Amino acid sequence: MSNALAADQNFMNPSTFSWRGRIGRQRFLATLLIANFGGGLLGALLLEAGDAGALLAIVLSVFMLLATVFAYMKRCRDAGISPWWTLVVVIPLASLILFIVLLWRGSEPLPDESAPGTPRP
């Protein structure tokens, strides 16, 4: 596999814990549902396990937060919006508006590789 092909595949199918790349609306929604609801349920169960469970719940919540922030960054990039809009997530009403916009807005097309002077992602 050539390096250019590998770079394109990493750009379109990034890791959940990476801020690089893009994700579509379905993967964005799935990531948020799994990270927030699944992680929240597991965290609640861990809290019932005592001190060790509470420590594991804190570690789990950090990973949930990272997955959520990275999903917002990648979806913003895919929708043609600056990833800096992810900072809005800390404001409750603005976060809801950004979430709706990211689910509503389609993906921006990748640059045409055949056009001269087109930068690669």
PDB file of N, CA and C in Angstrom:
ATOM      1  N   MET A   1       0.853  -1.180   0.000  1.00  0.00           N
ATOM      2  CA  MET A   1       0.000   0.000   0.000  1.00  0.00           C
ATOM      3  C   MET A   1       0.896   1.240   0.000  1.00  0.00           C
ATOM      4  N   SER A   2       0.611   2.161  -0.899  1.00  0.00           N
ATOM      5  CA  SER A   2       1.434   3.364  -0.982  1.00  0.00           C
ATOM      6  C   SER A   2       1.169   4.284   0.208  1.00  0.00           C
ATOM      7  N   ASN A   3       2.128   5.170   0.453  1.00  0.00           N
ATOM      8  CA  ASN A   3       1.985   6.097   1.579  1.00  0.00           C
ATOM      9  C   ASN A   3       0.818   7.059   1.375  1.00  0.00           C
ATOM     10  N   ALA A   4       0.591   7.475   0.133  1.00  0.00           N
ATOM     11  CA  ALA A   4      -0.509   8.403  -0.146  1.00  0.00           C
ATOM     12  C   ALA A   4      -1.851   7.730   0.117  1.00  0.00           C
ATOM     13  N   LEU A   5      -1.988   6.464  -0.287  1.00  0.00           N
ATOM     14  CA  LEU A   5      -3.232   5.743  -0.049  1.00  0.00           C
ATOM     15  C   LEU A   5      -3.454   5.513   1.440  1.00  0.00           C
ATOM     16  N   ALA A   6      -2.391   5.178   2.151  1.00  0.00           N
ATOM     17  CA  ALA A   6      -2.503   4.978   3.598  1.00  0.00           C
ATOM     18  C   ALA A   6      -2.892   6.284   4.287  1.00  0.00           C
ATOM     19  N   ALA A   7      -2.342   7.402   3.846  1.00  0.00           N
ATOM     20  CA  ALA A   7      -2.684   8.703   4.441  1.00  0.00           C
ATOM     21  C   ALA A   7      -4.152   9.037   4.194  1.00  0.00           C
ATOM     22  N   ASP A   8      -4.668   8.734   2.964  1.00  0.00           N
ATOM     23  CA  ASP A   8      -6.073   9.000   2.670  1.00  0.00           C
ATOM     24  C   ASP A   8      -6.986   8.146   3.537  1.00  0.00           C
ATOM     25  N   GLN A   9      -6.635   6.882   3.746  1.00  0.00           N
ATOM     26  CA  GLN A   9      -7.471   6.019   4.563  1.00  0.00           C
ATOM     27  C   GLN A   9      -7.460   6.470   6.014  1.00  0.00           C
ATOM     28  N   ASN A  10      -6.321   6.917   6.525  1.00  0.00           N
ATOM     29  CA  ASN A  10      -6.265   7.428   7.897  1.00  0.00           C
ATOM     30  C   ASN A  10      -7.053   8.717   8.024  1.00  0.00           C
ATOM     31  N   PHE A  11      -7.124   9.497   6.957  1.00  0.00           N
ATOM     32  CA  PHE A  11      -7.858  10.759   7.000  1.00  0.00           C
ATOM     33  C   PHE A  11      -9.359  10.507   7.075  1.00  0.00           C
ATOM     34  N   MET A  12      -9.839   9.510   6.338  1.00  0.00           N
ATOM     35  CA  MET A  12     -11.268   9.248   6.316  1.00  0.00           C
ATOM     36  C   MET A  12     -11.723   8.297   7.427  1.00  0.00           C
ATOM     37  N   ASN A  13     -10.846   7.464   7.957  1.00  0.00           N
ATOM     38  CA  ASN A  13     -11.211   6.499   8.993  1.00  0.00           C
ATOM     39  C   ASN A  13     -10.277   6.649  10.192  1.00  0.00           C
ATOM     40  N   PRO A  14     -10.337   7.782  10.863  1.00  0.00           N
ATOM     41  CA  PRO A  14      -9.415   8.000  11.970  1.00  0.00           C
ATOM     42  C   PRO A  14      -9.834   7.238  13.219  1.00  0.00           C
ATOM     43  N   SER A  15      -8.914   7.162  14.137  1.00  0.00           N
ATOM     44  CA  SER A  15      -9.189   6.553  15.430  1.00  0.00           C
ATOM     45  C   SER A  15     -10.195   7.413  16.201  1.00  0.00           C
ATOM     46  N   THR A  16     -10.922   6.783  17.095  1.00  0.00           N
ATOM     47  CA  THR A  16     -11.877   7.516  17.931  1.00  0.00           C
ATOM     48  C   THR A  16     -11.156   8.525  18.813  1.00  0.00           C
ATOM     49  N   PHE A  17      -9.939   8.200  19.228  1.00  0.00           N
ATOM     50  CA  PHE A  17      -9.176   9.077  20.112  1.00  0.00           C
ATOM     51  C   PHE A  17      -8.126   9.857  19.340  1.00  0.00           C
ATOM     52  N   SER A  18      -8.518  10.388  18.194  1.00  0.00           N
ATOM     53  CA  SER A  18      -7.654  11.234  17.377  1.00  0.00           C
ATOM     54  C   SER A  18      -8.458  12.448  16.942  1.00  0.00           C
ATOM     55  N   TRP A  19      -7.835  13.596  16.901  1.00  0.00           N
ATOM     56  CA  TRP A  19      -8.534  14.808  16.479  1.00  0.00           C
ATOM     57  C   TRP A  19      -8.378  15.037  14.979  1.00  0.00           C
ATOM     58  N   ARG A  20      -7.634  14.183  14.302  1.00  0.00           N
ATOM     59  CA  ARG A  20      -7.403  14.342  12.864  1.00  0.00           C
ATOM     60  C   ARG A  20      -8.463  13.611  12.071  1.00  0.00           C
ATOM     61  N   GLY A  21      -8.676  14.067  10.852  1.00  0.00           N
ATOM     62  CA  GLY A  21      -9.590  13.392   9.956  1.00  0.00           C
ATOM     63  C   GLY A  21     -10.990  13.960   9.992  1.00  0.00           C
ATOM     64  N   ARG A  22     -11.915  13.206   9.406  1.00  0.00           N
ATOM     65  CA  ARG A  22     -13.308  13.612   9.281  1.00  0.00           C
ATOM     66  C   ARG A  22     -14.192  12.425   9.606  1.00  0.00           C
ATOM     67  N   ILE A  23     -15.405  12.703  10.062  1.00  0.00           N
ATOM     68  CA  ILE A  23     -16.403  11.649  10.221  1.00  0.00           C
ATOM     69  C   ILE A  23     -17.737  12.182   9.730  1.00  0.00           C
ATOM     70  N   GLY A  24     -18.558  11.290   9.227  1.00  0.00           N
ATOM     71  CA  GLY A  24     -19.875  11.659   8.728  1.00  0.00           C
ATOM     72  C   GLY A  24     -20.884  11.778   9.857  1.00  0.00           C
ATOM     73  N   ARG A  25     -22.113  12.095   9.471  1.00  0.00           N
ATOM     74  CA  ARG A  25     -23.166  12.315  10.464  1.00  0.00           C
ATOM     75  C   ARG A  25     -23.504  11.059  11.257  1.00  0.00           C
ATOM     76  N   GLN A  26     -23.574   9.913  10.585  1.00  0.00           N
ATOM     77  CA  GLN A  26     -23.945   8.679  11.280  1.00  0.00           C
ATOM     78  C   GLN A  26     -22.880   8.269  12.293  1.00  0.00           C
ATOM     79  N   ARG A  27     -21.627   8.332  11.891  1.00  0.00           N
ATOM     80  CA  ARG A  27     -20.553   7.947  12.813  1.00  0.00           C
ATOM     81  C   ARG A  27     -20.457   8.938  13.971  1.00  0.00           C
ATOM     82  N   PHE A  28     -20.707  10.219  13.686  1.00  0.00           N
ATOM     83  CA  PHE A  28     -20.710  11.241  14.730  1.00  0.00           C
ATOM     84  C   PHE A  28     -21.773  10.936  15.781  1.00  0.00           C
ATOM     85  N   LEU A  29     -22.989  10.654  15.307  1.00  0.00           N
ATOM     86  CA  LEU A  29     -24.076  10.364  16.225  1.00  0.00           C
ATOM     87  C   LEU A  29     -23.808   9.072  16.999  1.00  0.00           C
ATOM     88  N   ALA A  30     -23.303   8.049  16.325  1.00  0.00           N
ATOM     89  CA  ALA A  30     -22.998   6.780  16.995  1.00  0.00           C
ATOM     90  C   ALA A  30     -21.913   6.959  18.052  1.00  0.00           C
ATOM     91  N   THR A  31     -20.891   7.739  17.730  1.00  0.00           N
ATOM     92  CA  THR A  31     -19.812   7.987  18.694  1.00  0.00           C
ATOM     93  C   THR A  31     -20.347   8.687  19.938  1.00  0.00           C
ATOM     94  N   LEU A  32     -21.191   9.689  19.733  1.00  0.00           N
ATOM     95  CA  LEU A  32     -21.736  10.411  20.882  1.00  0.00           C
ATOM     96  C   LEU A  32     -22.652   9.536  21.723  1.00  0.00           C
ATOM     97  N   LEU A  33     -23.475   8.732  21.071  1.00  0.00           N
ATOM     98  CA  LEU A  33     -24.375   7.853  21.820  1.00  0.00           C
ATOM     99  C   LEU A  33     -23.599   6.828  22.633  1.00  0.00           C
ATOM    100  N   ILE A  34     -22.621   6.192  22.017  1.00  0.00           N
ATOM    101  CA  ILE A  34     -21.840   5.169  22.719  1.00  0.00           C
ATOM    102  C   ILE A  34     -21.017   5.795  23.842  1.00  0.00           C
ATOM    103  N   ALA A  35     -20.353   6.908  23.544  1.00  0.00           N
ATOM    104  CA  ALA A  35     -19.483   7.524  24.549  1.00  0.00           C
ATOM    105  C   ALA A  35     -20.278   8.057  25.736  1.00  0.00           C
ATOM    106  N   ASN A  36     -21.393   8.700  25.467  1.00  0.00           N
ATOM    107  CA  ASN A  36     -22.118   9.350  26.556  1.00  0.00           C
ATOM    108  C   ASN A  36     -23.065   8.428  27.303  1.00  0.00           C
ATOM    109  N   PHE A  37     -23.888   7.687  26.583  1.00  0.00           N
ATOM    110  CA  PHE A  37     -24.850   6.830  27.269  1.00  0.00           C
ATOM    111  C   PHE A  37     -24.214   5.538  27.767  1.00  0.00           C
ATOM    112  N   GLY A  38     -23.458   4.882  26.899  1.00  0.00           N
ATOM    113  CA  GLY A  38     -22.799   3.643  27.315  1.00  0.00           C
ATOM    114  C   GLY A  38     -21.770   3.882  28.396  1.00  0.00           C
ATOM    115  N   GLY A  39     -20.964   4.900  28.209  1.00  0.00           N
ATOM    116  CA  GLY A  39     -19.967   5.235  29.223  1.00  0.00           C
ATOM    117  C   GLY A  39     -20.594   5.724  30.517  1.00  0.00           C
ATOM    118  N   GLY A  40     -21.705   6.446  30.389  1.00  0.00           N
ATOM    119  CA  GLY A  40     -22.399   6.916  31.591  1.00  0.00           C
ATOM    120  C   GLY A  40     -22.980   5.776  32.412  1.00  0.00           C
ATOM    121  N   LEU A  41     -23.567   4.800  31.738  1.00  0.00           N
ATOM    122  CA  LEU A  41     -24.093   3.634  32.454  1.00  0.00           C
ATOM    123  C   LEU A  41     -22.982   2.842  33.128  1.00  0.00           C
ATOM    124  N   LEU A  42     -21.898   2.623  32.386  1.00  0.00           N
ATOM    125  CA  LEU A  42     -20.772   1.891  32.965  1.00  0.00           C
ATOM    126  C   LEU A  42     -20.168   2.663  34.137  1.00  0.00           C
ATOM    127  N   GLY A  43     -20.064   3.985  34.004  1.00  0.00           N
ATOM    128  CA  GLY A  43     -19.549   4.810  35.092  1.00  0.00           C
ATOM    129  C   GLY A  43     -20.422   4.751  36.325  1.00  0.00           C
ATOM    130  N   ALA A  44     -21.745   4.744  36.131  1.00  0.00           N
ATOM    131  CA  ALA A  44     -22.665   4.650  37.271  1.00  0.00           C
ATOM    132  C   ALA A  44     -22.515   3.306  37.984  1.00  0.00           C
ATOM    133  N   LEU A  45     -22.335   2.248  37.217  1.00  0.00           N
ATOM    134  CA  LEU A  45     -22.114   0.934  37.827  1.00  0.00           C
ATOM    135  C   LEU A  45     -20.786   0.885  38.586  1.00  0.00           C
ATOM    136  N   LEU A  46     -19.768   1.532  38.036  1.00  0.00           N
ATOM    137  CA  LEU A  46     -18.465   1.548  38.700  1.00  0.00           C
ATOM    138  C   LEU A  46     -18.506   2.335  40.000  1.00  0.00           C
ATOM    139  N   LEU A  47     -19.307   3.387  40.043  1.00  0.00           N
ATOM    140  CA  LEU A  47     -19.411   4.188  41.266  1.00  0.00           C
ATOM    141  C   LEU A  47     -19.963   3.378  42.427  1.00  0.00           C
ATOM    142  N   GLU A  48     -20.775   2.388  42.124  1.00  0.00           N
ATOM    143  CA  GLU A  48     -21.345   1.528  43.164  1.00  0.00           C
ATOM    144  C   GLU A  48     -20.318   0.539  43.725  1.00  0.00           C
ATOM    145  N   ALA A  49     -19.167   0.415  43.064  1.00  0.00           N
ATOM    146  CA  ALA A  49     -18.171  -0.591  43.455  1.00  0.00           C
ATOM    147  C   ALA A  49     -17.205  -0.087  44.529  1.00  0.00           C
ATOM    148  N   GLY A  50     -17.382   1.103  45.028  1.00  0.00           N
ATOM    149  CA  GLY A  50     -16.512   1.608  46.085  1.00  0.00           C
ATOM    150  C   GLY A  50     -15.435   2.537  45.544  1.00  0.00           C
ATOM    151  N   ASP A  51     -14.338   2.672  46.310  1.00  0.00           N
ATOM    152  CA  ASP A  51     -13.280   3.625  45.963  1.00  0.00           C
ATOM    153  C   ASP A  51     -12.578   3.276  44.651  1.00  0.00           C
ATOM    154  N   ALA A  52     -12.257   2.009  44.452  1.00  0.00           N
ATOM    155  CA  ALA A  52     -11.585   1.604  43.214  1.00  0.00           C
ATOM    156  C   ALA A  52     -12.507   1.847  42.021  1.00  0.00           C
ATOM    157  N   GLY A  53     -13.776   1.587  42.189  1.00  0.00           N
ATOM    158  CA  GLY A  53     -14.741   1.834  41.127  1.00  0.00           C
ATOM    159  C   GLY A  53     -14.870   3.314  40.813  1.00  0.00           C
ATOM    160  N   ALA A  54     -14.806   4.149  41.851  1.00  0.00           N
ATOM    161  CA  ALA A  54     -14.892   5.594  41.642  1.00  0.00           C
ATOM    162  C   ALA A  54     -13.687   6.095  40.841  1.00  0.00           C
ATOM    163  N   LEU A  55     -12.520   5.562  41.141  1.00  0.00           N
ATOM    164  CA  LEU A  55     -11.317   5.948  40.393  1.00  0.00           C
ATOM    165  C   LEU A  55     -11.443   5.517  38.931  1.00  0.00           C
ATOM    166  N   LEU A  56     -11.922   4.308  38.704  1.00  0.00           N
ATOM    167  CA  LEU A  56     -12.129   3.841  37.332  1.00  0.00           C
ATOM    168  C   LEU A  56     -13.194   4.671  36.618  1.00  0.00           C
ATOM    169  N   ALA A  57     -14.222   5.105  37.336  1.00  0.00           N
ATOM    170  CA  ALA A  57     -15.267   5.940  36.746  1.00  0.00           C
ATOM    171  C   ALA A  57     -14.695   7.295  36.314  1.00  0.00           C
ATOM    172  N   ILE A  58     -13.770   7.841  37.092  1.00  0.00           N
ATOM    173  CA  ILE A  58     -13.135   9.115  36.729  1.00  0.00           C
ATOM    174  C   ILE A  58     -12.299   8.946  35.468  1.00  0.00           C
ATOM    175  N   VAL A  59     -11.522   7.876  35.403  1.00  0.00           N
ATOM    176  CA  VAL A  59     -10.704   7.605  34.219  1.00  0.00           C
ATOM    177  C   VAL A  59     -11.605   7.406  33.000  1.00  0.00           C
ATOM    178  N   LEU A  60     -12.696   6.672  33.166  1.00  0.00           N
ATOM    179  CA  LEU A  60     -13.638   6.440  32.080  1.00  0.00           C
ATOM    180  C   LEU A  60     -14.253   7.748  31.595  1.00  0.00           C
ATOM    181  N   SER A  61     -14.576   8.643  32.518  1.00  0.00           N
ATOM    182  CA  SER A  61     -15.182   9.915  32.122  1.00  0.00           C
ATOM    183  C   SER A  61     -14.213  10.779  31.318  1.00  0.00           C
ATOM    184  N   VAL A  62     -12.922  10.694  31.618  1.00  0.00           N
ATOM    185  CA  VAL A  62     -11.929  11.435  30.834  1.00  0.00           C
ATOM    186  C   VAL A  62     -11.909  10.902  29.401  1.00  0.00           C
ATOM    187  N   PHE A  63     -11.936   9.583  29.234  1.00  0.00           N
ATOM    188  CA  PHE A  63     -11.959   9.001  27.894  1.00  0.00           C
ATOM    189  C   PHE A  63     -13.248   9.347  27.155  1.00  0.00           C
ATOM    190  N   MET A  64     -14.369   9.369  27.859  1.00  0.00           N
ATOM    191  CA  MET A  64     -15.640   9.758  27.239  1.00  0.00           C
ATOM    192  C   MET A  64     -15.579  11.209  26.763  1.00  0.00           C
ATOM    193  N   LEU A  65     -15.014  12.078  27.588  1.00  0.00           N
ATOM    194  CA  LEU A  65     -14.889  13.485  27.217  1.00  0.00           C
ATOM    195  C   LEU A  65     -14.004  13.648  25.985  1.00  0.00           C
ATOM    196  N   LEU A  66     -12.867  12.948  25.953  1.00  0.00           N
ATOM    197  CA  LEU A  66     -11.970  13.032  24.800  1.00  0.00           C
ATOM    198  C   LEU A  66     -12.656  12.535  23.531  1.00  0.00           C
ATOM    199  N   ALA A  67     -13.345  11.402  23.607  1.00  0.00           N
ATOM    200  CA  ALA A  67     -14.031  10.866  22.431  1.00  0.00           C
ATOM    201  C   ALA A  67     -15.085  11.847  21.929  1.00  0.00           C
ATOM    202  N   THR A  68     -15.798  12.490  22.838  1.00  0.00           N
ATOM    203  CA  THR A  68     -16.830  13.456  22.458  1.00  0.00           C
ATOM    204  C   THR A  68     -16.227  14.691  21.798  1.00  0.00           C
ATOM    205  N   VAL A  69     -15.195  15.259  22.402  1.00  0.00           N
ATOM    206  CA  VAL A  69     -14.555  16.460  21.847  1.00  0.00           C
ATOM    207  C   VAL A  69     -13.939  16.157  20.485  1.00  0.00           C
ATOM    208  N   PHE A  70     -13.256  15.015  20.356  1.00  0.00           N
ATOM    209  CA  PHE A  70     -12.640  14.658  19.081  1.00  0.00           C
ATOM    210  C   PHE A  70     -13.698  14.406  18.012  1.00  0.00           C
ATOM    211  N   ALA A  71     -14.829  13.818  18.379  1.00  0.00           N
ATOM    212  CA  ALA A  71     -15.915  13.600  17.413  1.00  0.00           C
ATOM    213  C   ALA A  71     -16.460  14.945  16.917  1.00  0.00           C
ATOM    214  N   TYR A  72     -16.634  15.899  17.815  1.00  0.00           N
ATOM    215  CA  TYR A  72     -17.089  17.229  17.405  1.00  0.00           C
ATOM    216  C   TYR A  72     -16.079  17.880  16.472  1.00  0.00           C
ATOM    217  N   MET A  73     -14.795  17.775  16.777  1.00  0.00           N
ATOM    218  CA  MET A  73     -13.765  18.392  15.936  1.00  0.00           C
ATOM    219  C   MET A  73     -13.774  17.781  14.530  1.00  0.00           C
ATOM    220  N   LYS A  74     -13.838  16.465  14.451  1.00  0.00           N
ATOM    221  CA  LYS A  74     -13.811  15.799  13.148  1.00  0.00           C
ATOM    222  C   LYS A  74     -15.082  16.077  12.349  1.00  0.00           C
ATOM    223  N   ARG A  75     -16.218  16.147  13.030  1.00  0.00           N
ATOM    224  CA  ARG A  75     -17.472  16.430  12.329  1.00  0.00           C
ATOM    225  C   ARG A  75     -17.504  17.872  11.840  1.00  0.00           C
ATOM    226  N   CYS A  76     -16.982  18.799  12.637  1.00  0.00           N
ATOM    227  CA  CYS A  76     -16.895  20.189  12.181  1.00  0.00           C
ATOM    228  C   CYS A  76     -16.048  20.281  10.908  1.00  0.00           C
ATOM    229  N   ARG A  77     -14.923  19.600  10.906  1.00  0.00           N
ATOM    230  CA  ARG A  77     -14.041  19.601   9.744  1.00  0.00           C
ATOM    231  C   ARG A  77     -14.760  19.008   8.532  1.00  0.00           C
ATOM    232  N   ASP A  78     -15.513  17.934   8.727  1.00  0.00           N
ATOM    233  CA  ASP A  78     -16.221  17.282   7.628  1.00  0.00           C
ATOM    234  C   ASP A  78     -17.338  18.168   7.081  1.00  0.00           C
ATOM    235  N   ALA A  79     -17.969  18.933   7.945  1.00  0.00           N
ATOM    236  CA  ALA A  79     -19.075  19.803   7.531  1.00  0.00           C
ATOM    237  C   ALA A  79     -18.592  21.137   6.973  1.00  0.00           C
ATOM    238  N   GLY A  80     -17.292  21.356   6.945  1.00  0.00           N
ATOM    239  CA  GLY A  80     -16.765  22.605   6.409  1.00  0.00           C
ATOM    240  C   GLY A  80     -16.777  23.748   7.406  1.00  0.00           C
ATOM    241  N   ILE A  81     -16.851  23.414   8.683  1.00  0.00           N
ATOM    242  CA  ILE A  81     -16.857  24.409   9.756  1.00  0.00           C
ATOM    243  C   ILE A  81     -15.521  24.315  10.480  1.00  0.00           C
ATOM    244  N   SER A  82     -15.031  25.417  10.985  1.00  0.00           N
ATOM    245  CA  SER A  82     -13.769  25.400  11.719  1.00  0.00           C
ATOM    246  C   SER A  82     -13.884  24.512  12.969  1.00  0.00           C
ATOM    247  N   PRO A  83     -12.885  23.635  13.201  1.00  0.00           N
ATOM    248  CA  PRO A  83     -12.915  22.802  14.411  1.00  0.00           C
ATOM    249  C   PRO A  83     -12.893  23.601  15.708  1.00  0.00           C
ATOM    250  N   TRP A  84     -12.535  24.874  15.633  1.00  0.00           N
ATOM    251  CA  TRP A  84     -12.541  25.718  16.834  1.00  0.00           C
ATOM    252  C   TRP A  84     -13.952  25.888  17.393  1.00  0.00           C
ATOM    253  N   TRP A  85     -14.980  25.638  16.579  1.00  0.00           N
ATOM    254  CA  TRP A  85     -16.359  25.720  17.067  1.00  0.00           C
ATOM    255  C   TRP A  85     -16.627  24.688  18.145  1.00  0.00           C
ATOM    256  N   THR A  86     -15.744  23.712  18.301  1.00  0.00           N
ATOM    257  CA  THR A  86     -15.894  22.709  19.360  1.00  0.00           C
ATOM    258  C   THR A  86     -15.871  23.369  20.735  1.00  0.00           C
ATOM    259  N   LEU A  87     -15.229  24.513  20.858  1.00  0.00           N
ATOM    260  CA  LEU A  87     -15.188  25.216  22.141  1.00  0.00           C
ATOM    261  C   LEU A  87     -16.582  25.622  22.619  1.00  0.00           C
ATOM    262  N   VAL A  88     -17.529  25.715  21.700  1.00  0.00           N
ATOM    263  CA  VAL A  88     -18.900  26.102  22.032  1.00  0.00           C
ATOM    264  C   VAL A  88     -19.596  25.017  22.857  1.00  0.00           C
ATOM    265  N   VAL A  89     -19.052  23.807  22.851  1.00  0.00           N
ATOM    266  CA  VAL A  89     -19.681  22.678  23.541  1.00  0.00           C
ATOM    267  C   VAL A  89     -19.843  22.947  25.035  1.00  0.00           C
ATOM    268  N   VAL A  90     -19.046  23.803  25.619  1.00  0.00           N
ATOM    269  CA  VAL A  90     -19.142  24.068  27.057  1.00  0.00           C
ATOM    270  C   VAL A  90     -20.310  24.994  27.405  1.00  0.00           C
ATOM    271  N   ILE A  91     -20.943  25.610  26.407  1.00  0.00           N
ATOM    272  CA  ILE A  91     -22.088  26.491  26.631  1.00  0.00           C
ATOM    273  C   ILE A  91     -23.352  25.686  26.307  1.00  0.00           C
ATOM    274  N   PRO A  92     -24.223  25.442  27.289  1.00  0.00           N
ATOM    275  CA  PRO A  92     -25.329  24.496  27.097  1.00  0.00           C
ATOM    276  C   PRO A  92     -26.206  24.727  25.865  1.00  0.00           C
ATOM    277  N   LEU A  93     -26.801  25.880  25.692  1.00  0.00           N
ATOM    278  CA  LEU A  93     -27.701  26.106  24.563  1.00  0.00           C
ATOM    279  C   LEU A  93     -26.926  26.136  23.246  1.00  0.00           C
ATOM    280  N   ALA A  94     -25.769  26.756  23.249  1.00  0.00           N
ATOM    281  CA  ALA A  94     -24.945  26.804  22.042  1.00  0.00           C
ATOM    282  C   ALA A  94     -24.489  25.404  21.644  1.00  0.00           C
ATOM    283  N   SER A  95     -24.238  24.553  22.618  1.00  0.00           N
ATOM    284  CA  SER A  95     -23.846  23.174  22.343  1.00  0.00           C
ATOM    285  C   SER A  95     -24.971  22.436  21.621  1.00  0.00           C
ATOM    286  N   LEU A  96     -26.191  22.623  22.059  1.00  0.00           N
ATOM    287  CA  LEU A  96     -27.336  21.990  21.417  1.00  0.00           C
ATOM    288  C   LEU A  96     -27.498  22.483  19.984  1.00  0.00           C
ATOM    289  N   ILE A  97     -27.323  23.773  19.776  1.00  0.00           N
ATOM    290  CA  ILE A  97     -27.429  24.339  18.426  1.00  0.00           C
ATOM    291  C   ILE A  97     -26.338  23.773  17.521  1.00  0.00           C
ATOM    292  N   LEU A  98     -25.101  23.694  18.019  1.00  0.00           N
ATOM    293  CA  LEU A  98     -24.009  23.131  17.231  1.00  0.00           C
ATOM    294  C   LEU A  98     -24.285  21.663  16.896  1.00  0.00           C
ATOM    295  N   PHE A  99     -24.797  20.914  17.856  1.00  0.00           N
ATOM    296  CA  PHE A  99     -25.130  19.508  17.633  1.00  0.00           C
ATOM    297  C   PHE A  99     -26.149  19.370  16.502  1.00  0.00           C
ATOM    298  N   ILE A 100     -27.189  20.187  16.525  1.00  0.00           N
ATOM    299  CA  ILE A 100     -28.226  20.131  15.490  1.00  0.00           C
ATOM    300  C   ILE A 100     -27.651  20.535  14.130  1.00  0.00           C
ATOM    301  N   VAL A 101     -26.825  21.570  14.108  1.00  0.00           N
ATOM    302  CA  VAL A 101     -26.211  22.007  12.851  1.00  0.00           C
ATOM    303  C   VAL A 101     -25.326  20.907  12.277  1.00  0.00           C
ATOM    304  N   LEU A 102     -24.544  20.253  13.118  1.00  0.00           N
ATOM    305  CA  LEU A 102     -23.652  19.205  12.634  1.00  0.00           C
ATOM    306  C   LEU A 102     -24.411  17.976  12.140  1.00  0.00           C
ATOM    307  N   LEU A 103     -25.563  17.697  12.719  1.00  0.00           N
ATOM    308  CA  LEU A 103     -26.373  16.589  12.219  1.00  0.00           C
ATOM    309  C   LEU A 103     -27.118  16.971  10.940  1.00  0.00           C
ATOM    310  N   TRP A 104     -27.471  18.216  10.802  1.00  0.00           N
ATOM    311  CA  TRP A 104     -28.233  18.685   9.648  1.00  0.00           C
ATOM    312  C   TRP A 104     -27.338  18.907   8.433  1.00  0.00           C
ATOM    313  N   ARG A 105     -26.156  19.467   8.658  1.00  0.00           N
ATOM    314  CA  ARG A 105     -25.281  19.867   7.552  1.00  0.00           C
ATOM    315  C   ARG A 105     -24.581  18.661   6.939  1.00  0.00           C
ATOM    316  N   GLY A 106     -24.561  18.604   5.627  1.00  0.00           N
ATOM    317  CA  GLY A 106     -23.903  17.518   4.914  1.00  0.00           C
ATOM    318  C   GLY A 106     -22.388  17.668   4.917  1.00  0.00           C
ATOM    319  N   SER A 107     -21.728  16.704   4.346  1.00  0.00           N
ATOM    320  CA  SER A 107     -20.267  16.701   4.271  1.00  0.00           C
ATOM    321  C   SER A 107     -19.798  17.549   3.097  1.00  0.00           C
ATOM    322  N   GLU A 108     -18.710  18.238   3.298  1.00  0.00           N
ATOM    323  CA  GLU A 108     -18.060  18.973   2.228  1.00  0.00           C
ATOM    324  C   GLU A 108     -17.277  17.973   1.390  1.00  0.00           C
ATOM    325  N   PRO A 109     -17.254  18.138   0.080  1.00  0.00           N
ATOM    326  CA  PRO A 109     -16.496  17.196  -0.751  1.00  0.00           C
ATOM    327  C   PRO A 109     -14.993  17.347  -0.519  1.00  0.00           C
ATOM    328  N   LEU A 110     -14.286  16.237  -0.683  1.00  0.00           N
ATOM    329  CA  LEU A 110     -12.829  16.283  -0.604  1.00  0.00           C
ATOM    330  C   LEU A 110     -12.302  17.035  -1.808  1.00  0.00           C
ATOM    331  N   PRO A 111     -11.143  17.683  -1.684  1.00  0.00           N
ATOM    332  CA  PRO A 111     -10.585  18.384  -2.838  1.00  0.00           C
ATOM    333  C   PRO A 111     -10.298  17.404  -3.979  1.00  0.00           C
ATOM    334  N   ASP A 112     -10.491  17.867  -5.201  1.00  0.00           N
ATOM    335  CA  ASP A 112     -10.240  17.036  -6.373  1.00  0.00           C
ATOM    336  C   ASP A 112      -8.731  16.886  -6.552  1.00  0.00           C
ATOM    337  N   GLU A 113      -8.262  15.637  -6.521  1.00  0.00           N
ATOM    338  CA  GLU A 113      -6.834  15.386  -6.610  1.00  0.00           C
ATOM    339  C   GLU A 113      -6.284  15.691  -7.994  1.00  0.00           C
ATOM    340  N   SER A 114      -7.137  15.701  -9.022  1.00  0.00           N
ATOM    341  CA  SER A 114      -6.651  15.925 -10.376  1.00  0.00           C
ATOM    342  C   SER A 114      -6.444  17.412 -10.680  1.00  0.00           C
ATOM    343  N   ALA A 115      -7.016  18.279  -9.881  1.00  0.00           N
ATOM    344  CA  ALA A 115      -6.868  19.712 -10.122  1.00  0.00           C
ATOM    345  C   ALA A 115      -5.467  20.158  -9.714  1.00  0.00           C
ATOM    346  N   PRO A 116      -4.801  20.935 -10.569  1.00  0.00           N
ATOM    347  CA  PRO A 116      -3.452  21.383 -10.222  1.00  0.00           C
ATOM    348  C   PRO A 116      -3.465  22.351  -9.050  1.00  0.00           C
ATOM    349  N   GLY A 117      -2.512  22.187  -8.181  1.00  0.00           N
ATOM    350  CA  GLY A 117      -2.370  23.088  -7.040  1.00  0.00           C
ATOM    351  C   GLY A 117      -3.319  22.792  -5.885  1.00  0.00           C
ATOM    352  N   THR A 118      -4.052  21.701  -5.951  1.00  0.00           N
ATOM    353  CA  THR A 118      -4.983  21.352  -4.882  1.00  0.00           C
ATOM    354  C   THR A 118      -4.212  20.673  -3.759  1.00  0.00           C
ATOM    355  N   PRO A 119      -4.237  21.217  -2.562  1.00  0.00           N
ATOM    356  CA  PRO A 119      -3.498  20.582  -1.455  1.00  0.00           C
ATOM    357  C   PRO A 119      -4.164  19.282  -1.043  1.00  0.00           C
ATOM    358  N   ARG A 120      -3.356  18.325  -0.648  1.00  0.00           N
ATOM    359  CA  ARG A 120      -3.866  17.041  -0.177  1.00  0.00           C
ATOM    360  C   ARG A 120      -4.237  17.175   1.292  1.00  0.00           C
ATOM    361  N   PRO A 121      -5.247  16.438   1.738  1.00  0.00           N
ATOM    362  CA  PRO A 121      -5.637  16.510   3.162  1.00  0.00           C
ATOM    363  C   PRO A 121      -4.581  15.960   4.067  1.00  0.00           C
TER     364      PRO A 121
END
